[in-house]
C-alpha atoms as a PDB file:
ATOM      1  CA  MET A   1      -1.954  -5.262  17.130  1.00  0.00           C
ATOM      2  CA  LYS A   2      -1.284  -7.857  14.436  1.00  0.00           C
ATOM      3  CA  ILE A   3      -0.695  -5.116  11.878  1.00  0.00           C
ATOM      4  CA  ALA A   4       1.792  -3.294  14.116  1.00  0.00           C
ATOM      5  CA  LEU A   5       3.773  -6.469  14.802  1.00  0.00           C
ATOM      6  CA  LEU A   6       3.923  -7.333  11.123  1.00  0.00           C
ATOM      7  CA  VAL A   7       5.110  -3.795  10.330  1.00  0.00           C
ATOM      8  CA  LEU A   8       7.907  -4.183  12.897  1.00  0.00           C
ATOM      9  CA  LEU A   9       8.821  -7.566  11.441  1.00  0.00           C
ATOM     10  CA  GLY A  10       8.907  -6.024   7.966  1.00  0.00           C
ATOM     11  CA  LEU A  11      11.082  -3.204   9.268  1.00  0.00           C
ATOM     12  CA  LEU A  12      13.564  -5.647  10.768  1.00  0.00           C
ATOM     13  CA  LEU A  13      13.705  -8.016   7.812  1.00  0.00           C
ATOM     14  CA  GLY A  14      13.789  -5.158   5.328  1.00  0.00           C
ATOM     15  CA  ALA A  15      16.651  -3.487   7.179  1.00  0.00           C
ATOM     16  CA  LEU A  16      18.690  -6.707   7.178  1.00  0.00           C
ATOM     17  CA  GLY A  17      18.027  -7.371   3.521  1.00  0.00           C
ATOM     18  CA  GLY A  18      18.596  -3.745   2.554  1.00  0.00           C
ATOM     19  CA  ALA A  19      21.906  -3.649   4.408  1.00  0.00           C
ATOM     20  CA  ALA A  20      23.065  -6.764   2.575  1.00  0.00           C
ATOM     21  CA  LEU A  21      22.004  -5.288  -0.767  1.00  0.00           C
ATOM     22  CA  GLY A  22      23.687  -2.014   0.187  1.00  0.00           C
ATOM     23  CA  VAL A  23      26.973  -3.798   0.835  1.00  0.00           C
ATOM     24  CA  GLY A  24      26.663  -5.529  -2.521  1.00  0.00           C
ATOM     25  CA  ALA A  25      25.905  -2.256  -4.283  1.00  0.00           C
ATOM     26  CA  GLY A  26      28.816  -0.573  -2.507  1.00  0.00           C
ATOM     27  CA  LEU A  27      31.236  -3.295  -3.513  1.00  0.00           C
ATOM     28  CA  ALA A  28      30.012  -3.049  -7.094  1.00  0.00           C
ATOM     29  CA  TRP A  29      30.463   0.742  -6.965  1.00  0.00           C
ATOM     30  CA  VAL A  30      34.038   0.370  -5.716  1.00  0.00           C
ATOM     31  CA  GLU A  31      34.886  -2.097  -8.483  1.00  0.00           C
ATOM     32  CA  ILE A  32      33.146  -0.241 -11.313  1.00  0.00           C
ATOM     33  CA  PHE A  33      34.417   3.248 -10.485  1.00  0.00           C
ATOM     34  CA  LYS A  34      37.857   2.104  -9.240  1.00  0.00           C
ATOM     35  CA  THR A  35      37.556   3.864  -5.882  1.00  0.00           C
ATOM     36  CA  SER A  36      40.871   4.410  -4.113  1.00  0.00           C
ATOM     37  CA  ASN A  37      41.710   1.956  -1.347  1.00  0.00           C
ATOM     38  CA  PHE A  38      44.154   4.328   0.339  1.00  0.00           C
ATOM     39  CA  GLU A  39      43.835   3.892   4.129  1.00  0.00           C
ATOM     40  CA  GLY A  40      40.673   1.825   3.691  1.00  0.00           C
ATOM     41  CA  TYR A  41      38.672   4.528   1.932  1.00  0.00           C
ATOM     42  CA  SER A  42      36.713   2.088  -0.217  1.00  0.00           C
ATOM     43  CA  GLY A  43      35.746  -0.015   2.818  1.00  0.00           C
ATOM     44  CA  MET A  44      34.600   3.055   4.722  1.00  0.00           C
ATOM     45  CA  LEU A  45      32.593   4.155   1.697  1.00  0.00           C
ATOM     46  CA  VAL A  46      30.822   0.805   1.537  1.00  0.00           C
ATOM     47  CA  PHE A  47      30.152   0.315   5.247  1.00  0.00           C
ATOM     48  CA  PHE A  48      29.441   3.912   6.273  1.00  0.00           C
ATOM     49  CA  THR A  49      27.503   5.047   3.189  1.00  0.00           C
ATOM     50  CA  PHE A  50      25.985   2.235   1.168  1.00  0.00           C
ATOM     51  CA  MET A  51      25.129  -0.146   4.019  1.00  0.00           C
ATOM     52  CA  PRO A  52      23.198   2.405   6.140  1.00  0.00           C
ATOM     53  CA  LEU A  53      21.392   3.764   3.067  1.00  0.00           C
ATOM     54  CA  GLY A  54      20.425   0.235   2.046  1.00  0.00           C
ATOM     55  CA  ALA A  55      19.261  -0.564   5.584  1.00  0.00           C
ATOM     56  CA  VAL A  56      17.075   2.557   5.777  1.00  0.00           C
ATOM     57  CA  LEU A  57      15.530   2.059   2.350  1.00  0.00           C
ATOM     58  CA  GLY A  58      15.047  -1.676   2.895  1.00  0.00           C
ATOM     59  CA  GLY A  59      13.513  -1.123   6.333  1.00  0.00           C
ATOM     60  CA  LEU A  60      11.027   1.389   4.983  1.00  0.00           C
ATOM     61  CA  ALA A  61      10.141  -0.812   2.021  1.00  0.00           C
ATOM     62  CA  GLY A  62       9.733  -3.886   4.232  1.00  0.00           C
ATOM     63  CA  ALA A  63       7.586  -2.049   6.767  1.00  0.00           C
ATOM     64  CA  VAL A  64       5.320  -0.640   4.055  1.00  0.00           C
ATOM     65  CA  ALA A  65       5.052  -3.980   2.250  1.00  0.00           C
ATOM     66  CA  PHE A  66       4.253  -5.975   5.393  1.00  0.00           C
ATOM     67  CA  GLY A  67       1.895  -3.244   6.587  1.00  0.00           C
ATOM     68  CA  VAL A  68      -0.058  -3.268   3.339  1.00  0.00           C
ATOM     69  CA  LEU A  69      -0.273  -7.058   3.385  1.00  0.00           C
ATOM     70  CA  ALA A  70      -1.447  -7.064   7.004  1.00  0.00           C
ATOM     71  CA  TRP A  71      -3.982  -4.304   6.305  1.00  0.00           C
ATOM     72  CA  ARG A  72      -5.441  -6.199   3.348  1.00  0.00           C
ATOM     73  CA  ASP A  73      -5.584  -9.409   5.347  1.00  0.00           C
ATOM     74  CA  ALA A  74      -7.510  -7.615   8.095  1.00  0.00           C
ATOM     75  CA  GLN A  75     -10.064  -6.395   5.550  1.00  0.00           C
ATOM     76  CA  ILE A  76     -10.654  -9.800   3.940  1.00  0.00           C
ATOM     77  CA  ALA A  77     -13.529 -11.737   5.467  1.00  0.00           C
ATOM     78  CA  LEU A  78     -12.433 -15.018   6.974  1.00  0.00           C
ATOM     79  CA  GLU A  79     -15.614 -16.842   6.027  1.00  0.00           C
ATOM     80  CA  ARG A  80     -17.653 -16.489   2.903  1.00  0.00           C
ATOM     81  CA  PRO A  81     -21.403 -16.159   3.225  1.00  0.00           C
ATOM     82  CA  PRO A  82     -23.242 -19.408   2.488  1.00  0.00           C
ATOM     83  CA  LYS A  83     -24.530 -19.889  -1.031  1.00  0.00           C
ATOM     84  CA  PRO A  84     -28.285 -20.029  -1.496  1.00  0.00           C
ATOM     85  CA  PRO A  85     -29.579 -23.545  -2.151  1.00  0.00           C
ATOM     86  CA  ARG A  86     -29.872 -24.496  -5.804  1.00  0.00           C
ATOM     87  CA  LYS A  87     -33.192 -25.543  -7.252  1.00  0.00           C
ATOM     88  CA  ARG A  88     -33.352 -29.144  -8.376  1.00  0.00           C
ATOM     89  CA  GLY A  89     -33.974 -29.827 -11.997  1.00  0.00           C
ATOM     90  CA  HIS A  90     -32.187 -26.720 -13.281  1.00  0.00           C
ATOM     91  CA  PRO A  91     -28.510 -26.850 -14.244  1.00  0.00           C
END
């Protein structure tokens, strides 16, 4: 259950971060390639192409990353086995 909740959290956070990065990449694209702003074309390009692509890719990356971290945490033992007692007189 913990793994599934962390995957959903990663999906949500990754989608938000990916959408923000997608908007940034879209704005950079518009500036670098001098996309026409006729009737708001550049804004539609950014918000209907780059933002959804960034959100999808970020959501998938976040879900996988959080899932892998949660899976590894579930496999790690919480307590280490006790060490055998050391013999006195030997370093």
